[in-house]
Amino acid sequence: MADLQVKMIEPVFRTQYRIIYGDTDAGGVVYNGNFLRFFEIGRTEMMRSWALPYSEIEKQGLILPVTESYLRYKAPALYDDLITIATSLAELKKVSCRFHYRITCMRADNEQLLVKGFTNHACVSRQGKLTPFPADIRQRINRIWQLL
């Protein structure tokens, strides 16, 4: 079984997202599967800001599919909530990486934890072959930890 601990490792990137009506279900709360999309927003924006855009990885014929995900739901998100997606790079290995997330919302002057979790990603060629991160991409991703 995978390690289900979610520890935010500095530096932590934060981005905000406003919940739209289309994110919610018939019960008026955010559909649980949408939190994986919010994780992707956090991860994509962190990589774009601190390492490299995902499109640059794709130009080298590589993709980073999710191989494992874990979400722990703590409280619902509602239509028109302004959520904060906190993302950290937890691990970078030869052929994989792991990101941790915390999604929060301000409620009654307190930051409330809505969801925490992680995603693991494999570095894969377009042909589906597990491939080591090229040195230039690894170096740029590694720079995230040097932002401290």
Protein backbone atom coordinates (compact mmCIF):
# COMPACT_ATOMS: atom_id res chain seq x y z
CA MET A 1 0.00 0.00 0.00
CA ALA A 2 1.24 3.47 -0.86
CA ASP A 3 2.16 6.05 1.73
CA LEU A 4 -1.04 8.05 2.25
CA GLN A 5 0.58 10.86 4.21
CA VAL A 6 0.13 14.30 2.71
CA LYS A 7 2.83 16.69 3.93
CA MET A 8 3.21 20.04 2.24
CA ILE A 9 6.89 20.47 1.46
CA GLU A 10 8.20 24.00 1.00
CA PRO A 11 8.02 25.84 -1.23
CA VAL A 12 4.24 25.70 -1.56
CA PHE A 13 2.59 27.20 -4.63
CA ARG A 14 -0.88 28.69 -4.19
CA THR A 15 -3.46 29.53 -6.81
CA GLN A 16 -7.14 30.40 -6.50
CA TYR A 17 -10.18 29.16 -8.35
CA ARG A 18 -13.82 30.30 -8.17
CA ILE A 19 -16.31 27.41 -8.09
CA ILE A 20 -18.71 27.63 -11.04
CA TYR A 21 -22.19 26.16 -11.17
CA GLY A 22 -20.99 23.44 -13.56
CA ASP A 23 -18.61 22.15 -10.84
CA THR A 24 -21.53 21.26 -8.56
CA ASP A 25 -23.88 18.29 -8.40
CA ALA A 26 -27.63 18.07 -7.75
CA GLY A 27 -26.90 18.48 -4.04
CA GLY A 28 -25.35 21.92 -4.63
CA VAL A 29 -21.84 20.87 -3.66
CA VAL A 30 -18.75 20.33 -5.80
CA TYR A 31 -18.82 16.87 -7.37
CA ASN A 32 -16.05 14.82 -5.75
CA GLY A 33 -14.29 13.99 -9.04
CA ASN A 34 -13.76 17.68 -9.77
CA PHE A 35 -11.18 17.88 -7.01
CA LEU A 36 -8.79 15.91 -9.22
CA ARG A 37 -9.27 18.62 -11.83
CA PHE A 38 -8.49 21.24 -9.17
CA PHE A 39 -5.32 19.28 -8.31
CA GLU A 40 -4.39 19.50 -11.99
CA ILE A 41 -4.95 23.26 -11.98
CA GLY A 42 -2.61 23.63 -9.00
CA ARG A 43 0.04 21.34 -10.46
CA THR A 44 -0.08 22.91 -13.92
CA GLU A 45 0.18 26.46 -12.61
CA MET A 46 3.01 25.56 -10.23
CA MET A 47 4.99 23.90 -13.01
CA ARG A 48 4.33 26.82 -15.38
CA SER A 49 5.42 29.39 -12.78
CA TRP A 50 8.36 27.61 -11.15
CA ALA A 51 9.73 25.00 -13.57
CA LEU A 52 8.40 24.74 -17.14
CA PRO A 53 5.06 24.57 -18.92
CA TYR A 54 3.71 21.08 -19.43
CA SER A 55 3.70 21.79 -23.19
CA GLU A 56 7.53 21.83 -23.13
CA ILE A 57 7.53 18.31 -21.71
CA GLU A 58 5.12 17.21 -24.45
CA LYS A 59 7.37 18.76 -27.14
CA GLN A 60 10.02 16.24 -26.09
CA GLY A 61 7.57 13.41 -26.77
CA LEU A 62 6.78 12.75 -23.13
CA ILE A 63 3.64 12.75 -21.01
CA LEU A 64 3.14 12.53 -17.25
CA PRO A 65 0.02 10.44 -16.67
CA VAL A 66 -1.39 10.05 -13.17
CA THR A 67 -0.52 6.57 -11.91
CA GLU A 68 -2.00 6.95 -8.44
CA SER A 69 -4.17 9.46 -6.65
CA TYR A 70 -5.44 9.88 -3.12
CA LEU A 71 -8.01 12.35 -1.86
CA ARG A 72 -9.25 12.84 1.70
CA TYR A 73 -12.45 14.89 1.77
CA LYS A 74 -12.89 17.04 4.87
CA ALA A 75 -15.63 19.56 3.98
CA PRO A 76 -17.72 20.43 0.91
CA ALA A 77 -16.99 23.20 -1.56
CA LEU A 78 -20.02 25.16 -2.75
CA TYR A 79 -21.01 27.22 -5.77
CA ASP A 80 -19.20 30.59 -5.86
CA ASP A 81 -16.64 29.61 -3.20
CA LEU A 82 -13.18 31.00 -3.85
CA ILE A 83 -10.88 28.09 -3.11
CA THR A 84 -7.12 28.10 -2.65
CA ILE A 85 -5.22 25.21 -4.17
CA ALA A 86 -1.88 24.70 -2.42
CA THR A 87 0.54 22.45 -4.30
CA SER A 88 3.98 21.13 -3.44
CA LEU A 89 6.45 18.88 -5.20
CA ALA A 90 6.93 16.04 -2.74
CA GLU A 91 9.22 13.74 -4.70
CA LEU A 92 11.18 13.55 -7.95
CA LYS A 93 12.59 10.18 -8.95
CA LYS A 94 14.25 8.87 -12.11
CA VAL A 95 10.96 8.04 -13.88
CA SER A 96 8.26 9.48 -11.59
CA CYS A 97 7.21 12.40 -9.45
CA ARG A 98 4.68 13.09 -6.71
CA PHE A 99 2.71 16.23 -5.87
CA HIS A 100 0.83 17.00 -2.65
CA TYR A 101 -2.23 19.25 -2.41
CA ARG A 102 -4.40 21.03 0.13
CA ILE A 103 -7.56 22.80 -0.97
CA THR A 104 -9.00 25.35 1.43
CA CYS A 105 -11.69 28.01 1.55
CA MET A 106 -12.27 30.97 3.87
CA ARG A 107 -15.36 30.39 6.02
CA ALA A 108 -16.39 32.75 8.83
CA ASP A 109 -12.92 34.34 8.89
CA ASN A 110 -11.24 30.92 9.20
CA GLU A 111 -9.42 28.92 6.58
CA GLN A 112 -11.22 25.59 6.30
CA LEU A 113 -9.57 22.49 4.85
CA LEU A 114 -11.80 21.00 2.15
CA VAL A 115 -9.58 18.29 0.62
CA LYS A 116 -6.02 17.05 0.89
CA GLY A 117 -4.31 14.50 -1.28
CA PHE A 118 -1.59 13.57 -3.73
CA THR A 119 -0.97 12.42 -7.28
CA ASN A 120 1.87 10.25 -8.54
CA HIS A 121 2.98 10.60 -12.16
CA ALA A 122 5.13 8.44 -14.44
CA CYS A 123 7.33 9.87 -17.17
CA VAL A 124 6.18 8.02 -20.29
CA SER A 125 6.97 8.27 -23.99
CA ARG A 126 4.16 8.76 -26.51
CA GLN A 127 4.53 5.04 -27.23
CA GLY A 128 3.69 4.25 -23.61
CA LYS A 129 7.21 3.30 -22.51
CA LEU A 130 8.38 4.29 -19.04
CA THR A 131 11.22 6.76 -19.64
CA PRO A 132 13.66 8.59 -17.36
CA PHE A 133 13.18 12.33 -17.12
CA PRO A 134 15.60 14.03 -19.53
CA ALA A 135 18.38 15.86 -17.66
CA ASP A 136 17.16 19.35 -18.69
CA ILE A 137 13.60 18.67 -17.50
CA ARG A 138 14.82 17.07 -14.25
CA GLN A 139 17.05 20.09 -13.61
CA ARG A 140 14.19 22.56 -14.16
CA ILE A 141 11.82 20.62 -11.91
CA ASN A 142 14.53 20.31 -9.24
CA ARG A 143 14.79 24.10 -9.17
CA ILE A 144 11.43 24.21 -7.38
CA TRP A 145 13.13 23.10 -4.15
CA GLN A 146 15.80 25.78 -4.61
CA LEU A 147 13.26 28.58 -4.41
CA LEU A 148 13.48 28.62 -0.62
